[in-house]
Amino acid sequence: IASILIVVVALAVVPASRYFVLNTVGVRSSSSVIVLDQKTSQPLKNVEVSIASQSSKTDKEGRVQLNGIKLGPQQLVIKKPAFAEVNQKVTIGWGSNPLGQMKLTPVGSQYTFRLSDFISNKPVKDAEATSGESSAVANSDGEIVLTLPNTKEAEVEVEISANNYRTEKLKLEVAN
């Protein structure tokens, strides 16, 4: 009885053995993260976030929730074209495991747009600029900083849209 008690206490106290036992019986956890642009602190949409074998993409607020993650030390990988990849170890425990905010460093070409209403001259908030898989939203001053992967093309096509406004399509020279 004493040796069984010692084994149970060792399993409860030593994290590696605790994670092994819990994973063996099928216990899984969840984790969440918010991904932001390091330069603008704006949320990034469609960012691929992976922990262990689970992956998903961020929503328009930069949030992602991953479920079914094994407990213990895991690898967190965050990828988005035109941004430096984040690759770090995290420990997933029992429960929800919010990882907070992660900021990605832009490494691609950046284009800045300032949007204002034609009549009132007030900034257009919550507008979005998209080009392929890349997108960015306007801040409270109506400014959008869109980061695109470096390309050999002569121009890029950008679409800017906002509620109650018409959608604008622009062709921008890459050299500019």
Protein backbone atom coordinates (compact mmCIF):
# COMPACT_ATOMS: atom_id res chain seq x y z
CA ILE A 1 0.00 0.00 0.00
CA ALA A 2 2.84 2.39 0.84
CA SER A 3 4.51 1.86 -2.53
CA ILE A 4 1.22 2.48 -4.38
CA LEU A 5 0.76 5.65 -2.34
CA ILE A 6 4.32 6.78 -3.20
CA VAL A 7 3.68 6.15 -6.92
CA VAL A 8 0.40 8.14 -6.82
CA VAL A 9 2.08 11.04 -5.01
CA ALA A 10 5.00 10.99 -7.47
CA LEU A 11 2.58 11.07 -10.42
CA ALA A 12 0.74 14.03 -8.89
CA VAL A 13 3.88 16.00 -8.00
CA VAL A 14 6.12 15.46 -11.04
CA PRO A 15 4.58 17.37 -14.01
CA ALA A 16 6.06 15.14 -16.74
CA SER A 17 4.57 11.98 -15.26
CA ARG A 18 1.28 13.75 -14.52
CA TYR A 19 1.00 14.91 -18.16
CA PHE A 20 1.90 11.41 -19.39
CA VAL A 21 -0.83 9.77 -17.31
CA LEU A 22 -3.47 12.37 -18.18
CA ASN A 23 -2.64 12.23 -21.91
CA THR A 24 -2.74 8.41 -21.81
CA VAL A 25 -6.29 8.43 -20.43
CA GLY A 26 -7.35 10.95 -23.11
CA VAL A 27 -7.46 14.23 -21.20
CA ARG A 28 -7.16 17.20 -23.59
CA SER A 29 -7.15 20.94 -23.11
CA SER A 30 -7.68 24.16 -25.04
CA SER A 31 -5.74 27.35 -25.63
CA SER A 32 -6.41 30.78 -27.10
CA VAL A 33 -4.26 33.60 -28.44
CA ILE A 34 -4.74 37.06 -29.97
CA VAL A 35 -2.38 37.91 -32.84
CA LEU A 36 -1.47 41.55 -33.50
CA ASP A 37 0.73 43.47 -35.93
CA GLN A 38 3.78 44.62 -33.92
CA LYS A 39 4.02 47.95 -35.77
CA THR A 40 0.36 49.00 -35.65
CA SER A 41 -1.00 46.89 -32.75
CA GLN A 42 -3.97 46.10 -34.99
CA PRO A 43 -5.42 42.55 -35.03
CA LEU A 44 -4.31 40.24 -37.84
CA LYS A 45 -6.88 38.12 -39.67
CA ASN A 46 -6.22 34.70 -41.30
CA VAL A 47 -3.05 33.99 -39.34
CA GLU A 48 -2.29 30.27 -39.02
CA VAL A 49 -1.75 29.28 -35.37
CA SER A 50 -0.65 25.75 -34.44
CA ILE A 51 -0.07 24.07 -31.11
CA ALA A 52 1.08 20.46 -31.36
CA SER A 53 -1.19 18.82 -33.98
CA GLN A 54 -4.03 21.36 -33.66
CA SER A 55 -4.21 24.42 -35.93
CA SER A 56 -6.68 27.10 -36.94
CA LYS A 57 -6.77 30.64 -38.38
CA THR A 58 -7.49 33.89 -36.56
CA ASP A 59 -10.76 35.77 -37.02
CA LYS A 60 -11.09 39.49 -37.83
CA GLU A 61 -10.28 40.38 -34.19
CA GLY A 62 -7.05 38.36 -34.38
CA ARG A 63 -8.42 35.69 -32.01
CA VAL A 64 -8.06 31.96 -32.33
CA GLN A 65 -9.20 29.10 -30.08
CA LEU A 66 -7.57 25.66 -30.32
CA ASN A 67 -9.16 22.59 -28.73
CA GLY A 68 -8.08 18.99 -28.21
CA ILE A 69 -4.45 19.80 -27.28
CA LYS A 70 -2.39 17.27 -25.32
CA LEU A 71 -1.16 18.45 -21.92
CA GLY A 72 2.46 19.34 -21.24
CA PRO A 73 5.18 21.14 -23.19
CA GLN A 74 4.10 21.87 -26.78
CA GLN A 75 5.37 23.90 -29.74
CA LEU A 76 3.44 27.09 -30.65
CA VAL A 77 3.87 28.17 -34.30
CA ILE A 78 2.32 31.34 -35.73
CA LYS A 79 2.62 31.96 -39.50
CA LYS A 80 1.43 34.68 -41.87
CA PRO A 81 2.94 35.67 -45.22
CA ALA A 82 4.87 38.99 -44.99
CA PHE A 83 5.43 38.55 -41.22
CA ALA A 84 8.23 36.85 -39.27
CA GLU A 85 7.22 33.43 -37.99
CA VAL A 86 6.83 32.89 -34.24
CA ASN A 87 8.03 29.52 -32.96
CA GLN A 88 8.18 28.95 -29.19
CA LYS A 89 7.56 26.39 -26.48
CA VAL A 90 4.44 26.67 -24.32
CA THR A 91 3.19 24.47 -21.52
CA ILE A 92 -0.45 23.44 -21.82
CA GLY A 93 -2.07 22.65 -18.49
CA TRP A 94 -5.50 21.54 -17.47
CA GLY A 95 -8.11 24.18 -18.38
CA SER A 96 -8.35 27.01 -20.91
CA ASN A 97 -4.68 28.18 -21.20
CA PRO A 98 -5.07 31.73 -22.59
CA LEU A 99 -1.70 32.73 -24.08
CA GLY A 100 -2.56 36.45 -24.34
CA GLN A 101 -1.34 38.64 -27.17
CA MET A 102 1.38 37.69 -29.64
CA LYS A 103 2.81 40.40 -31.91
CA LEU A 104 4.14 39.52 -35.36
CA THR A 105 6.95 41.55 -36.89
CA PRO A 106 6.19 42.75 -40.43
CA VAL A 107 8.90 41.82 -42.97
CA GLY A 108 7.03 42.45 -46.25
CA SER A 109 6.16 45.62 -48.16
CA GLN A 110 3.88 48.01 -46.31
CA TYR A 111 1.27 50.30 -47.83
CA THR A 112 -0.46 52.99 -45.75
CA PHE A 113 -3.95 54.31 -46.55
CA ARG A 114 -5.75 57.16 -44.80
CA LEU A 115 -9.50 56.99 -45.24
CA SER A 116 -11.90 59.87 -44.62
CA ASP A 117 -15.52 60.52 -45.49
CA PHE A 118 -15.79 62.79 -48.56
CA ILE A 119 -18.54 64.98 -47.08
CA SER A 120 -17.71 65.16 -43.36
CA ASN A 121 -13.94 64.63 -43.70
CA LYS A 122 -14.13 62.38 -40.61
CA PRO A 123 -12.00 59.21 -40.51
CA VAL A 124 -13.60 56.01 -41.78
CA LYS A 125 -13.22 53.49 -38.95
CA ASP A 126 -13.38 49.71 -39.32
CA ALA A 127 -12.60 49.79 -43.04
CA GLU A 128 -10.59 46.87 -44.41
CA ALA A 129 -7.94 46.65 -47.13
CA THR A 130 -7.32 43.24 -48.71
CA SER A 131 -4.94 41.89 -51.31
CA GLY A 132 -4.91 38.14 -51.84
CA GLU A 133 -4.56 36.49 -48.41
CA SER A 134 -3.38 39.73 -46.77
CA SER A 135 -5.70 42.12 -44.98
CA ALA A 136 -5.64 44.98 -42.49
CA VAL A 137 -8.29 47.09 -40.74
CA ALA A 138 -8.41 50.83 -40.13
CA ASN A 139 -7.67 52.28 -36.72
CA SER A 140 -9.75 55.04 -35.08
CA ASP A 141 -7.94 57.65 -37.23
CA GLY A 142 -8.96 55.87 -40.45
CA GLU A 143 -5.41 54.67 -41.12
CA ILE A 144 -4.75 51.25 -42.62
CA VAL A 145 -1.25 49.73 -42.81
CA LEU A 146 -1.39 46.76 -45.17
CA THR A 147 1.63 44.43 -45.17
CA LEU A 148 2.08 42.34 -48.32
CA PRO A 149 4.60 39.64 -49.18
CA ASN A 150 7.46 40.88 -51.35
CA THR A 151 6.72 40.14 -54.98
CA LYS A 152 8.38 40.38 -58.39
CA GLU A 153 5.13 41.62 -59.95
CA ALA A 154 5.05 45.22 -61.26
CA GLU A 155 1.83 46.06 -59.39
CA VAL A 156 -0.48 44.74 -56.70
CA GLU A 157 -4.25 44.93 -56.51
CA VAL A 158 -5.82 46.19 -53.28
CA GLU A 159 -9.51 46.30 -52.41
CA ILE A 160 -10.73 48.72 -49.72
CA SER A 161 -14.20 48.25 -48.23
CA ALA A 162 -16.24 49.63 -45.34
CA ASN A 163 -19.88 49.37 -44.28
CA ASN A 164 -22.10 51.98 -45.96
CA TYR A 165 -19.35 52.91 -48.46
CA ARG A 166 -18.66 51.66 -51.95
CA THR A 167 -15.77 49.25 -52.41
CA GLU A 168 -12.68 50.69 -54.11
CA LYS A 169 -10.23 48.60 -56.12
CA LEU A 170 -6.73 50.01 -56.58
CA LYS A 171 -3.70 48.94 -58.57
CA LEU A 172 -0.48 50.05 -56.90
CA GLU A 173 2.99 50.02 -58.41
CA VAL A 174 5.29 47.81 -56.34
CA ALA A 175 8.17 50.25 -56.81
CA ASN A 176 6.19 52.89 -54.90
